[in-house]
Amino acid sequence: MANNSIWYQIGVALRSILGLDKRGGAQAPPRAQGPTATLKPKVGPRPGGPRVDSARPTAGSQSSGGDRGYESSPGQFGEGATRDVAASELRGAKLEYAPSMDGDPDPGEIVWTWVPYVENDGRGKDRPVLIIGRIDATTVFGCYVSSKFHRDFISIGSGAWDSQGRESFVSPERILRVTHGGMRREGAVVARERFTEAVRGVLAYHRLSN
């Protein structure tokens, strides 16, 4: 029995030296350490690079109209915004031919400003407007101009305000308030007789006298 005990102890020692596990199998040698894989970070937008806002319309859309979200046009927003006024405000107003190419809108001139659509839903268009009278030192009355004739529109002939030399027409229905700051640019002067015809037509359309 003593001999068996000695051989058992020798066997345990040999297993320990040879690296055999308790179940009689050899322990797996440690795995060789290969080169560590390097994970590349995800590449995002560069902090200083341009940012593209897909929700922002281009200026060319002009909303055909007026959607807030692109470069605004003079007369589109704020205190100087072009807006409709009641035709009754023309009664007794100074509707005299007084063009002066001085950088401000004056009666008898066609200027460009933002004109909101009649729906008044934020849309609009930059377009020519005939100034027909003065409200005060910094605001005037106007009616928008179109190259297309519609019922009740008043012809003002053709002039330098239209690069294609087309006949133009004034819409008498809407009376606009235009501010000096809301004017984008001064266009050209309408002939006195055409101006007079346009003012008379606007007053007649609204059954006003002046």
C-alpha atoms as a PDB file:
ATOM      1  CA  MET A   1       0.000   0.000   0.000  1.00  0.00           C
ATOM      2  CA  ALA A   2       2.855   2.319   0.779  1.00  0.00           C
ATOM      3  CA  ASN A   3       4.298   1.731  -2.662  1.00  0.00           C
ATOM      4  CA  ASN A   4       0.986   2.606  -4.260  1.00  0.00           C
ATOM      5  CA  SER A   5       0.871   5.864  -2.294  1.00  0.00           C
ATOM      6  CA  ILE A   6       4.362   6.757  -3.416  1.00  0.00           C
ATOM      7  CA  TRP A   7       3.521   6.071  -7.080  1.00  0.00           C
ATOM      8  CA  TYR A   8       0.321   8.102  -6.749  1.00  0.00           C
ATOM      9  CA  GLN A   9       2.251  11.083  -5.448  1.00  0.00           C
ATOM     10  CA  ILE A  10       4.790  10.682  -8.247  1.00  0.00           C
ATOM     11  CA  GLY A  11       1.933  10.600 -10.773  1.00  0.00           C
ATOM     12  CA  VAL A  12       0.436  13.818  -9.390  1.00  0.00           C
ATOM     13  CA  ALA A  13       3.810  15.497  -9.562  1.00  0.00           C
ATOM     14  CA  LEU A  14       4.343  14.387 -13.149  1.00  0.00           C
ATOM     15  CA  ARG A  15       0.900  15.679 -14.138  1.00  0.00           C
ATOM     16  CA  SER A  16       1.734  19.002 -12.604  1.00  0.00           C
ATOM     17  CA  ILE A  17       5.100  19.136 -14.378  1.00  0.00           C
ATOM     18  CA  LEU A  18       3.618  18.065 -17.745  1.00  0.00           C
ATOM     19  CA  GLY A  19       0.702  20.489 -17.445  1.00  0.00           C
ATOM     20  CA  LEU A  20      -2.039  17.860 -17.558  1.00  0.00           C
ATOM     21  CA  ASP A  21      -5.482  18.935 -16.283  1.00  0.00           C
ATOM     22  CA  LYS A  22      -7.396  17.083 -13.676  1.00  0.00           C
ATOM     23  CA  ARG A  23      -9.460  15.287 -16.367  1.00  0.00           C
ATOM     24  CA  GLY A  24      -6.315  13.889 -17.911  1.00  0.00           C
ATOM     25  CA  GLY A  25      -6.216  16.251 -20.861  1.00  0.00           C
ATOM     26  CA  ALA A  26      -3.450  18.635 -21.584  1.00  0.00           C
ATOM     27  CA  GLN A  27      -4.176  22.232 -20.875  1.00  0.00           C
ATOM     28  CA  ALA A  28      -4.457  24.283 -24.012  1.00  0.00           C
ATOM     29  CA  PRO A  29      -1.305  26.277 -24.491  1.00  0.00           C
ATOM     30  CA  PRO A  30      -1.775  29.994 -24.332  1.00  0.00           C
ATOM     31  CA  ARG A  31      -2.831  31.461 -27.711  1.00  0.00           C
ATOM     32  CA  ALA A  32      -0.204  33.453 -29.452  1.00  0.00           C
ATOM     33  CA  GLN A  33      -1.022  37.138 -29.386  1.00  0.00           C
ATOM     34  CA  GLY A  34      -1.393  38.319 -32.945  1.00  0.00           C
ATOM     35  CA  PRO A  35      -1.403  41.938 -34.044  1.00  0.00           C
ATOM     36  CA  THR A  36      -4.197  43.867 -32.427  1.00  0.00           C
ATOM     37  CA  ALA A  37      -6.924  44.934 -34.905  1.00  0.00           C
ATOM     38  CA  THR A  38      -7.313  48.666 -35.084  1.00  0.00           C
ATOM     39  CA  LEU A  39     -10.910  49.881 -35.369  1.00  0.00           C
ATOM     40  CA  LYS A  40     -11.260  52.920 -37.579  1.00  0.00           C
ATOM     41  CA  PRO A  41     -13.536  55.556 -36.088  1.00  0.00           C
ATOM     42  CA  LYS A  42     -16.602  56.509 -38.088  1.00  0.00           C
ATOM     43  CA  VAL A  43     -15.976  59.557 -40.154  1.00  0.00           C
ATOM     44  CA  GLY A  44     -18.532  62.287 -39.507  1.00  0.00           C
ATOM     45  CA  PRO A  45     -18.884  65.847 -40.791  1.00  0.00           C
ATOM     46  CA  ARG A  46     -15.804  67.903 -40.279  1.00  0.00           C
ATOM     47  CA  PRO A  47     -16.380  70.456 -37.511  1.00  0.00           C
ATOM     48  CA  GLY A  48     -15.367  73.322 -39.727  1.00  0.00           C
ATOM     49  CA  GLY A  49     -16.914  72.086 -42.955  1.00  0.00           C
ATOM     50  CA  PRO A  50     -20.015  73.416 -44.681  1.00  0.00           C
ATOM     51  CA  ARG A  51     -23.412  72.358 -43.378  1.00  0.00           C
ATOM     52  CA  VAL A  52     -26.179  71.547 -45.787  1.00  0.00           C
ATOM     53  CA  ASP A  53     -29.720  72.201 -44.618  1.00  0.00           C
ATOM     54  CA  SER A  54     -31.989  70.137 -46.840  1.00  0.00           C
ATOM     55  CA  ALA A  55     -35.071  71.835 -45.434  1.00  0.00           C
ATOM     56  CA  ARG A  56     -33.962  75.220 -46.650  1.00  0.00           C
ATOM     57  CA  PRO A  57     -35.294  76.097 -50.106  1.00  0.00           C
ATOM     58  CA  THR A  58     -32.994  77.758 -52.561  1.00  0.00           C
ATOM     59  CA  ALA A  59     -33.365  81.409 -53.282  1.00  0.00           C
ATOM     60  CA  GLY A  60     -34.467  80.533 -56.784  1.00  0.00           C
ATOM     61  CA  SER A  61     -37.669  79.021 -55.444  1.00  0.00           C
ATOM     62  CA  GLN A  62     -38.697  82.469 -54.330  1.00  0.00           C
ATOM     63  CA  SER A  63     -41.654  80.728 -53.124  1.00  0.00           C
ATOM     64  CA  SER A  64     -42.724  81.762 -56.071  1.00  0.00           C
ATOM     65  CA  GLY A  65     -43.156  82.597 -53.241  1.00  0.00           C
ATOM     66  CA  GLY A  66     -42.203  83.831 -49.950  1.00  0.00           C
ATOM     67  CA  ASP A  67     -41.628  80.789 -47.852  1.00  0.00           C
ATOM     68  CA  ARG A  68     -39.610  81.796 -44.832  1.00  0.00           C
ATOM     69  CA  GLY A  69     -36.451  79.871 -45.074  1.00  0.00           C
ATOM     70  CA  TYR A  70     -34.341  81.484 -47.739  1.00  0.00           C
ATOM     71  CA  GLU A  71     -32.764  84.868 -48.268  1.00  0.00           C
ATOM     72  CA  SER A  72     -35.528  87.401 -47.733  1.00  0.00           C
ATOM     73  CA  SER A  73     -36.412  90.085 -50.265  1.00  0.00           C
ATOM     74  CA  PRO A  74     -36.906  93.765 -49.371  1.00  0.00           C
ATOM     75  CA  GLY A  75     -40.525  94.322 -48.430  1.00  0.00           C
ATOM     76  CA  GLN A  76     -41.030  90.725 -47.335  1.00  0.00           C
ATOM     77  CA  PHE A  77     -40.751  90.853 -43.526  1.00  0.00           C
ATOM     78  CA  GLY A  78     -40.836  93.252 -40.621  1.00  0.00           C
ATOM     79  CA  GLU A  79     -42.078  96.790 -40.266  1.00  0.00           C
ATOM     80  CA  GLY A  80     -41.138  97.600 -43.849  1.00  0.00           C
ATOM     81  CA  ALA A  81     -43.127  94.720 -45.341  1.00  0.00           C
ATOM     82  CA  THR A  82     -45.319  95.451 -48.334  1.00  0.00           C
ATOM     83  CA  ARG A  83     -48.955  94.833 -47.411  1.00  0.00           C
ATOM     84  CA  ASP A  84     -52.481  95.428 -48.600  1.00  0.00           C
ATOM     85  CA  VAL A  85     -54.432  98.426 -47.352  1.00  0.00           C
ATOM     86  CA  ALA A  86     -58.109  99.271 -47.650  1.00  0.00           C
ATOM     87  CA  ALA A  87     -59.017 101.060 -50.877  1.00  0.00           C
ATOM     88  CA  SER A  88     -60.874 103.637 -48.776  1.00  0.00           C
ATOM     89  CA  GLU A  89     -57.478 104.986 -47.668  1.00  0.00           C
ATOM     90  CA  LEU A  90     -57.095 106.438 -51.164  1.00  0.00           C
ATOM     91  CA  ARG A  91     -59.944 108.849 -50.496  1.00  0.00           C
ATOM     92  CA  GLY A  92     -58.380 112.265 -50.043  1.00  0.00           C
ATOM     93  CA  ALA A  93     -54.832 110.906 -50.448  1.00  0.00           C
ATOM     94  CA  LYS A  94     -52.205 112.778 -52.463  1.00  0.00           C
ATOM     95  CA  LEU A  95     -52.215 110.950 -55.798  1.00  0.00           C
ATOM     96  CA  GLU A  96     -50.039 113.321 -57.802  1.00  0.00           C
ATOM     97  CA  TYR A  97     -47.461 112.585 -60.479  1.00  0.00           C
ATOM     98  CA  ALA A  98     -44.106 113.322 -58.846  1.00  0.00           C
ATOM     99  CA  PRO A  99     -41.382 110.953 -60.100  1.00  0.00           C
ATOM    100  CA  SER A 100     -37.858 111.589 -58.864  1.00  0.00           C
ATOM    101  CA  MET A 101     -35.147 109.047 -59.535  1.00  0.00           C
ATOM    102  CA  ASP A 102     -33.546 109.620 -56.153  1.00  0.00           C
ATOM    103  CA  GLY A 103     -33.464 106.087 -54.799  1.00  0.00           C
ATOM    104  CA  ASP A 104     -36.882 106.282 -53.119  1.00  0.00           C
ATOM    105  CA  PRO A 105     -40.285 105.215 -54.483  1.00  0.00           C
ATOM    106  CA  ASP A 106     -42.276 108.180 -55.796  1.00  0.00           C
ATOM    107  CA  PRO A 107     -45.657 108.500 -57.572  1.00  0.00           C
ATOM    108  CA  GLY A 108     -45.226 107.897 -61.277  1.00  0.00           C
ATOM    109  CA  GLU A 109     -42.398 105.368 -60.871  1.00  0.00           C
ATOM    110  CA  ILE A 110     -42.341 101.625 -61.199  1.00  0.00           C
ATOM    111  CA  VAL A 111     -40.294 100.000 -58.452  1.00  0.00           C
ATOM    112  CA  TRP A 112     -39.600  96.422 -57.397  1.00  0.00           C
ATOM    113  CA  THR A 113     -40.724  95.097 -54.020  1.00  0.00           C
ATOM    114  CA  TRP A 114     -42.038  91.919 -52.457  1.00  0.00           C
ATOM    115  CA  VAL A 115     -45.776  91.515 -53.121  1.00  0.00           C
ATOM    116  CA  PRO A 116     -47.563  88.970 -50.921  1.00  0.00           C
ATOM    117  CA  TYR A 117     -50.092  86.672 -52.559  1.00  0.00           C
ATOM    118  CA  VAL A 118     -53.704  87.645 -51.997  1.00  0.00           C
ATOM    119  CA  GLU A 119     -54.161  84.531 -49.841  1.00  0.00           C
ATOM    120  CA  ASN A 120     -51.874  86.199 -47.283  1.00  0.00           C
ATOM    121  CA  ASP A 121     -50.391  82.821 -46.338  1.00  0.00           C
ATOM    122  CA  GLY A 122     -46.743  83.888 -46.251  1.00  0.00           C
ATOM    123  CA  ARG A 123     -46.046  83.324 -49.925  1.00  0.00           C
ATOM    124  CA  GLY A 124     -45.403  86.085 -52.438  1.00  0.00           C
ATOM    125  CA  LYS A 125     -43.203  87.305 -55.245  1.00  0.00           C
ATOM    126  CA  ASP A 126     -40.763  90.080 -56.029  1.00  0.00           C
ATOM    127  CA  ARG A 127     -42.472  92.108 -58.746  1.00  0.00           C
ATOM    128  CA  PRO A 128     -42.899  95.589 -60.265  1.00  0.00           C
ATOM    129  CA  VAL A 129     -45.316  98.014 -58.647  1.00  0.00           C
ATOM    130  CA  LEU A 130     -46.600 101.347 -59.968  1.00  0.00           C
ATOM    131  CA  ILE A 131     -46.487 103.961 -57.234  1.00  0.00           C
ATOM    132  CA  ILE A 132     -49.704 106.001 -57.444  1.00  0.00           C
ATOM    133  CA  GLY A 133     -49.589 108.225 -54.369  1.00  0.00           C
ATOM    134  CA  ARG A 134     -47.852 109.166 -51.152  1.00  0.00           C
ATOM    135  CA  ILE A 135     -48.970 108.250 -47.647  1.00  0.00           C
ATOM    136  CA  ASP A 136     -46.229 110.013 -45.697  1.00  0.00           C
ATOM    137  CA  ALA A 137     -42.507 110.757 -45.908  1.00  0.00           C
ATOM    138  CA  THR A 138     -41.513 107.081 -45.939  1.00  0.00           C
ATOM    139  CA  THR A 139     -44.524 105.171 -47.307  1.00  0.00           C
ATOM    140  CA  VAL A 140     -46.466 105.217 -50.571  1.00  0.00           C
ATOM    141  CA  PHE A 141     -49.455 103.623 -52.280  1.00  0.00           C
ATOM    142  CA  GLY A 142     -48.889 101.242 -55.167  1.00  0.00           C
ATOM    143  CA  CYS A 143     -50.565  98.717 -57.492  1.00  0.00           C
ATOM    144  CA  TYR A 144     -48.728  95.739 -58.898  1.00  0.00           C
ATOM    145  CA  VAL A 145     -47.878  95.531 -62.584  1.00  0.00           C
ATOM    146  CA  SER A 146     -48.224  92.498 -64.854  1.00  0.00           C
ATOM    147  CA  SER A 147     -47.340  91.720 -68.457  1.00  0.00           C
ATOM    148  CA  LYS A 148     -50.546  89.678 -68.705  1.00  0.00           C
ATOM    149  CA  PHE A 149     -53.914  91.318 -69.202  1.00  0.00           C
ATOM    150  CA  HIS A 150     -56.815  90.350 -66.981  1.00  0.00           C
ATOM    151  CA  ARG A 151     -60.288  91.762 -66.675  1.00  0.00           C
ATOM    152  CA  ASP A 152     -60.273  95.369 -65.352  1.00  0.00           C
ATOM    153  CA  PHE A 153     -56.499  95.693 -65.670  1.00  0.00           C
ATOM    154  CA  ILE A 154     -55.315  99.086 -66.927  1.00  0.00           C
ATOM    155  CA  SER A 155     -52.705  99.429 -69.656  1.00  0.00           C
ATOM    156  CA  ILE A 156     -49.696 101.648 -68.992  1.00  0.00           C
ATOM    157  CA  GLY A 157     -48.006 100.830 -72.295  1.00  0.00           C
ATOM    158  CA  SER A 158     -44.427  99.615 -72.461  1.00  0.00           C
ATOM    159  CA  GLY A 159     -41.266 101.038 -71.016  1.00  0.00           C
ATOM    160  CA  ALA A 160     -37.801 100.489 -69.651  1.00  0.00           C
ATOM    161  CA  TRP A 161     -39.168  98.591 -66.634  1.00  0.00           C
ATOM    162  CA  ASP A 162     -39.711  95.544 -68.888  1.00  0.00           C
ATOM    163  CA  SER A 163     -36.557  94.237 -70.562  1.00  0.00           C
ATOM    164  CA  GLN A 164     -38.637  92.568 -73.291  1.00  0.00           C
ATOM    165  CA  GLY A 165     -40.549  95.733 -74.133  1.00  0.00           C
ATOM    166  CA  ARG A 166     -43.939  94.118 -73.464  1.00  0.00           C
ATOM    167  CA  GLU A 167     -47.112  96.066 -72.806  1.00  0.00           C
ATOM    168  CA  SER A 168     -47.780  96.238 -69.082  1.00  0.00           C
ATOM    169  CA  PHE A 169     -50.975  96.413 -67.066  1.00  0.00           C
ATOM    170  CA  VAL A 170     -51.835  97.676 -63.598  1.00  0.00           C
ATOM    171  CA  SER A 171     -54.114  95.643 -61.349  1.00  0.00           C
ATOM    172  CA  PRO A 172     -56.596  98.077 -59.774  1.00  0.00           C
ATOM    173  CA  GLU A 173     -58.003  95.587 -57.283  1.00  0.00           C
ATOM    174  CA  ARG A 174     -55.243  95.544 -54.681  1.00  0.00           C
ATOM    175  CA  ILE A 175     -53.875  98.691 -53.061  1.00  0.00           C
ATOM    176  CA  LEU A 176     -50.431  98.145 -51.594  1.00  0.00           C
ATOM    177  CA  ARG A 177     -48.508 100.000 -48.929  1.00  0.00           C
ATOM    178  CA  VAL A 178     -44.842 100.175 -49.909  1.00  0.00           C
ATOM    179  CA  THR A 179     -42.137 101.571 -47.644  1.00  0.00           C
ATOM    180  CA  HIS A 180     -38.919 103.205 -48.750  1.00  0.00           C
ATOM    181  CA  GLY A 181     -36.996 100.455 -46.972  1.00  0.00           C
ATOM    182  CA  GLY A 182     -39.159  97.776 -48.585  1.00  0.00           C
ATOM    183  CA  MET A 183     -38.241  98.799 -52.119  1.00  0.00           C
ATOM    184  CA  ARG A 184     -35.646  96.549 -53.733  1.00  0.00           C
ATOM    185  CA  ARG A 185     -34.843  98.892 -56.614  1.00  0.00           C
ATOM    186  CA  GLU A 186     -36.153 101.835 -58.569  1.00  0.00           C
ATOM    187  CA  GLY A 187     -37.142 100.882 -62.094  1.00  0.00           C
ATOM    188  CA  ALA A 188     -38.383 103.537 -64.499  1.00  0.00           C
ATOM    189  CA  VAL A 189     -40.840 106.407 -64.889  1.00  0.00           C
ATOM    190  CA  VAL A 190     -44.263 105.956 -66.478  1.00  0.00           C
ATOM    191  CA  ALA A 191     -45.483 108.690 -68.836  1.00  0.00           C
ATOM    192  CA  ARG A 192     -47.710 111.262 -67.129  1.00  0.00           C
ATOM    193  CA  GLU A 193     -50.768 110.488 -69.236  1.00  0.00           C
ATOM    194  CA  ARG A 194     -50.428 106.760 -68.537  1.00  0.00           C
ATOM    195  CA  PHE A 195     -50.085 107.483 -64.826  1.00  0.00           C
ATOM    196  CA  THR A 196     -53.206 109.645 -64.859  1.00  0.00           C
ATOM    197  CA  GLU A 197     -55.199 106.953 -66.677  1.00  0.00           C
ATOM    198  CA  ALA A 198     -54.046 104.339 -64.188  1.00  0.00           C
ATOM    199  CA  VAL A 199     -55.007 106.426 -61.142  1.00  0.00           C
ATOM    200  CA  ARG A 200     -58.422 107.212 -62.613  1.00  0.00           C
ATOM    201  CA  GLY A 201     -58.953 103.539 -63.375  1.00  0.00           C
ATOM    202  CA  VAL A 202     -58.033 102.488 -59.834  1.00  0.00           C
ATOM    203  CA  LEU A 203     -60.390 105.062 -58.295  1.00  0.00           C
ATOM    204  CA  ALA A 204     -63.203 104.100 -60.668  1.00  0.00           C
ATOM    205  CA  TYR A 205     -62.743 100.400 -59.873  1.00  0.00           C
ATOM    206  CA  HIS A 206     -63.287 101.132 -56.161  1.00  0.00           C
ATOM    207  CA  ARG A 207     -65.956 103.760 -56.864  1.00  0.00           C
ATOM    208  CA  LEU A 208     -63.927 106.489 -55.250  1.00  0.00           C
ATOM    209  CA  SER A 209     -63.389 110.082 -56.211  1.00  0.00           C
ATOM    210  CA  ASN A 210     -60.399 112.196 -55.414  1.00  0.00           C
END
